[in-house]
Amino acid sequence: MSFYKSISRFNEQKPVLPYLFEITKNLLKMFYRKRKVFLPLKEEIIKEEDDFQIFEESDISLFDNLDRLNKKEKKIFEMLGKGYKIKEIAKQLKIKENTVKSMIRRGRMKLKMKK
């Protein structure tokens, strides 16, 4: 039916089969997009910034190896060591809070790697 509706735009010099495959592919994409299930985020799942655990007890020794980090990661870890919260770090460095959290996570991984 879609092919019939768009026949006026079809170039008769080109083969029909690839055109039909493209129509079919697009229809399937639209079909599955409509059926996508969205789960509501429950309140008990949401973590507040204060509940976000930045370091575990075993991570305290990691501050000795900050030379493995890039400049921005070092700055974040130094600020964390001084007691800054994630929101404050994000505001001061002019980056998003989630970016700060990601950089902390990546930095922890770098620090935990053995030389």
C-alpha atoms as a PDB file:
ATOM      1  CA  MET A   1       0.000   0.000   0.000  1.00  0.00           C
ATOM      2  CA  SER A   2       2.854   2.383   0.829  1.00  0.00           C
ATOM      3  CA  PHE A   3       4.444   1.725  -2.531  1.00  0.00           C
ATOM      4  CA  TYR A   4       1.175   2.467  -4.296  1.00  0.00           C
ATOM      5  CA  LYS A   5       0.795   5.748  -2.376  1.00  0.00           C
ATOM      6  CA  SER A   6       4.303   6.874  -3.291  1.00  0.00           C
ATOM      7  CA  ILE A   7       4.345   5.640  -6.888  1.00  0.00           C
ATOM      8  CA  SER A   8       4.432   9.223  -8.183  1.00  0.00           C
ATOM      9  CA  ARG A   9       7.880   9.677  -6.561  1.00  0.00           C
ATOM     10  CA  PHE A  10       9.254   6.381  -7.841  1.00  0.00           C
ATOM     11  CA  ASN A  11      11.932   6.586 -10.541  1.00  0.00           C
ATOM     12  CA  GLU A  12      11.035   4.018 -13.200  1.00  0.00           C
ATOM     13  CA  GLN A  13      14.651   3.819 -14.360  1.00  0.00           C
ATOM     14  CA  LYS A  14      15.694   2.195 -11.074  1.00  0.00           C
ATOM     15  CA  PRO A  15      14.891  -1.356  -9.896  1.00  0.00           C
ATOM     16  CA  VAL A  16      11.764  -1.863  -7.806  1.00  0.00           C
ATOM     17  CA  LEU A  17      13.048  -4.435  -5.324  1.00  0.00           C
ATOM     18  CA  PRO A  18      15.498  -2.181  -3.379  1.00  0.00           C
ATOM     19  CA  TYR A  19      12.766   0.457  -3.167  1.00  0.00           C
ATOM     20  CA  LEU A  20      10.346  -2.083  -1.695  1.00  0.00           C
ATOM     21  CA  PHE A  21      12.956  -3.292   0.787  1.00  0.00           C
ATOM     22  CA  GLU A  22      13.546   0.276   1.961  1.00  0.00           C
ATOM     23  CA  ILE A  23       9.812   0.844   2.423  1.00  0.00           C
ATOM     24  CA  THR A  24       9.532  -2.412   4.377  1.00  0.00           C
ATOM     25  CA  LYS A  25      12.506  -1.528   6.567  1.00  0.00           C
ATOM     26  CA  ASN A  26      11.035   1.885   7.414  1.00  0.00           C
ATOM     27  CA  LEU A  27       7.612   0.415   8.167  1.00  0.00           C
ATOM     28  CA  LEU A  28       9.177  -2.103  10.542  1.00  0.00           C
ATOM     29  CA  LYS A  29      11.098   0.651  12.331  1.00  0.00           C
ATOM     30  CA  MET A  30       7.902   2.663  12.797  1.00  0.00           C
ATOM     31  CA  PHE A  31       6.032  -0.427  13.993  1.00  0.00           C
ATOM     32  CA  TYR A  32       8.580  -1.216  16.701  1.00  0.00           C
ATOM     33  CA  ARG A  33       8.915   2.427  17.755  1.00  0.00           C
ATOM     34  CA  LYS A  34       5.193   2.555  18.454  1.00  0.00           C
ATOM     35  CA  ARG A  35       5.373  -0.625  20.522  1.00  0.00           C
ATOM     36  CA  LYS A  36       8.314   0.498  22.655  1.00  0.00           C
ATOM     37  CA  VAL A  37       7.505   0.011  26.309  1.00  0.00           C
ATOM     38  CA  PHE A  38       8.403   2.810  28.683  1.00  0.00           C
ATOM     39  CA  LEU A  39       8.713   1.932  32.337  1.00  0.00           C
ATOM     40  CA  PRO A  40       7.909   4.660  34.828  1.00  0.00           C
ATOM     41  CA  LEU A  41      10.717   5.509  37.218  1.00  0.00           C
ATOM     42  CA  LYS A  42       9.648   4.625  40.731  1.00  0.00           C
ATOM     43  CA  GLU A  43      10.483   7.048  43.489  1.00  0.00           C
ATOM     44  CA  GLU A  44      12.314   4.457  45.575  1.00  0.00           C
ATOM     45  CA  ILE A  45      14.743   3.883  42.694  1.00  0.00           C
ATOM     46  CA  ILE A  46      15.708   7.554  42.389  1.00  0.00           C
ATOM     47  CA  LYS A  47      18.887   8.424  44.264  1.00  0.00           C
ATOM     48  CA  GLU A  48      19.510  11.835  45.642  1.00  0.00           C
ATOM     49  CA  GLU A  49      22.930  13.409  45.261  1.00  0.00           C
ATOM     50  CA  ASP A  50      23.647  12.928  48.957  1.00  0.00           C
ATOM     51  CA  ASP A  51      22.964   9.194  48.618  1.00  0.00           C
ATOM     52  CA  PHE A  52      25.361   8.859  45.669  1.00  0.00           C
ATOM     53  CA  GLN A  53      28.261   6.891  47.093  1.00  0.00           C
ATOM     54  CA  ILE A  54      31.406   8.324  45.595  1.00  0.00           C
ATOM     55  CA  PHE A  55      34.025   6.275  47.393  1.00  0.00           C
ATOM     56  CA  GLU A  56      34.129   3.000  49.199  1.00  0.00           C
ATOM     57  CA  GLU A  57      36.313   2.449  52.254  1.00  0.00           C
ATOM     58  CA  SER A  58      38.958   0.683  50.120  1.00  0.00           C
ATOM     59  CA  ASP A  59      39.217   3.684  47.775  1.00  0.00           C
ATOM     60  CA  ILE A  60      40.849   6.045  50.272  1.00  0.00           C
ATOM     61  CA  SER A  61      44.336   4.802  49.305  1.00  0.00           C
ATOM     62  CA  LEU A  62      43.569   5.631  45.677  1.00  0.00           C
ATOM     63  CA  PHE A  63      44.214   9.332  46.325  1.00  0.00           C
ATOM     64  CA  ASP A  64      47.938   8.499  46.391  1.00  0.00           C
ATOM     65  CA  ASN A  65      47.927   7.662  42.652  1.00  0.00           C
ATOM     66  CA  LEU A  66      46.329  10.776  41.155  1.00  0.00           C
ATOM     67  CA  ASP A  67      49.115  10.991  38.561  1.00  0.00           C
ATOM     68  CA  ARG A  68      47.214   8.430  36.448  1.00  0.00           C
ATOM     69  CA  LEU A  69      44.357  10.883  35.878  1.00  0.00           C
ATOM     70  CA  ASN A  70      43.986  13.703  33.373  1.00  0.00           C
ATOM     71  CA  LYS A  71      43.815  17.345  34.558  1.00  0.00           C
ATOM     72  CA  LYS A  72      40.026  17.545  34.878  1.00  0.00           C
ATOM     73  CA  GLU A  73      39.765  14.227  36.730  1.00  0.00           C
ATOM     74  CA  LYS A  74      42.550  15.291  39.104  1.00  0.00           C
ATOM     75  CA  LYS A  75      40.729  18.550  39.798  1.00  0.00           C
ATOM     76  CA  ILE A  76      37.486  16.688  40.550  1.00  0.00           C
ATOM     77  CA  PHE A  77      39.211  14.252  42.908  1.00  0.00           C
ATOM     78  CA  GLU A  78      41.034  17.072  44.675  1.00  0.00           C
ATOM     79  CA  MET A  79      37.733  18.916  45.149  1.00  0.00           C
ATOM     80  CA  LEU A  80      36.096  15.747  46.469  1.00  0.00           C
ATOM     81  CA  GLY A  81      38.965  15.376  48.911  1.00  0.00           C
ATOM     82  CA  LYS A  82      38.288  18.910  50.151  1.00  0.00           C
ATOM     83  CA  GLY A  83      34.642  18.031  50.809  1.00  0.00           C
ATOM     84  CA  TYR A  84      32.913  19.587  47.789  1.00  0.00           C
ATOM     85  CA  LYS A  85      29.627  18.022  46.696  1.00  0.00           C
ATOM     86  CA  ILE A  86      29.002  16.908  43.118  1.00  0.00           C
ATOM     87  CA  LYS A  87      26.625  19.805  42.490  1.00  0.00           C
ATOM     88  CA  GLU A  88      29.258  22.306  43.638  1.00  0.00           C
ATOM     89  CA  ILE A  89      31.969  20.707  41.511  1.00  0.00           C
ATOM     90  CA  ALA A  90      29.726  20.749  38.438  1.00  0.00           C
ATOM     91  CA  LYS A  91      28.875  24.405  38.963  1.00  0.00           C
ATOM     92  CA  GLN A  92      32.486  25.455  39.523  1.00  0.00           C
ATOM     93  CA  LEU A  93      33.846  23.487  36.538  1.00  0.00           C
ATOM     94  CA  LYS A  94      30.835  24.463  34.387  1.00  0.00           C
ATOM     95  CA  ILE A  95      29.936  20.880  33.454  1.00  0.00           C
ATOM     96  CA  LYS A  96      26.856  18.743  34.110  1.00  0.00           C
ATOM     97  CA  GLU A  97      26.448  16.751  37.320  1.00  0.00           C
ATOM     98  CA  ASN A  98      26.169  13.475  35.406  1.00  0.00           C
ATOM     99  CA  THR A  99      29.444  14.277  33.658  1.00  0.00           C
ATOM    100  CA  VAL A 100      31.098  14.730  37.045  1.00  0.00           C
ATOM    101  CA  LYS A 101      29.697  11.387  38.204  1.00  0.00           C
ATOM    102  CA  SER A 102      30.951   9.691  35.029  1.00  0.00           C
ATOM    103  CA  MET A 103      34.391  11.227  35.441  1.00  0.00           C
ATOM    104  CA  ILE A 104      34.505  10.011  39.043  1.00  0.00           C
ATOM    105  CA  ARG A 105      33.548   6.525  37.923  1.00  0.00           C
ATOM    106  CA  ARG A 106      36.190   6.512  35.151  1.00  0.00           C
ATOM    107  CA  GLY A 107      38.778   7.981  37.492  1.00  0.00           C
ATOM    108  CA  ARG A 108      38.127   5.289  40.088  1.00  0.00           C
ATOM    109  CA  MET A 109      38.598   2.643  37.405  1.00  0.00           C
ATOM    110  CA  LYS A 110      41.895   4.205  36.317  1.00  0.00           C
ATOM    111  CA  LEU A 111      43.105   4.407  39.902  1.00  0.00           C
ATOM    112  CA  LYS A 112      42.188   0.801  40.642  1.00  0.00           C
ATOM    113  CA  MET A 113      44.070  -0.525  37.593  1.00  0.00           C
ATOM    114  CA  LYS A 114      47.441  -1.995  38.424  1.00  0.00           C
ATOM    115  CA  LYS A 115      50.471  -0.427  36.784  1.00  0.00           C
END
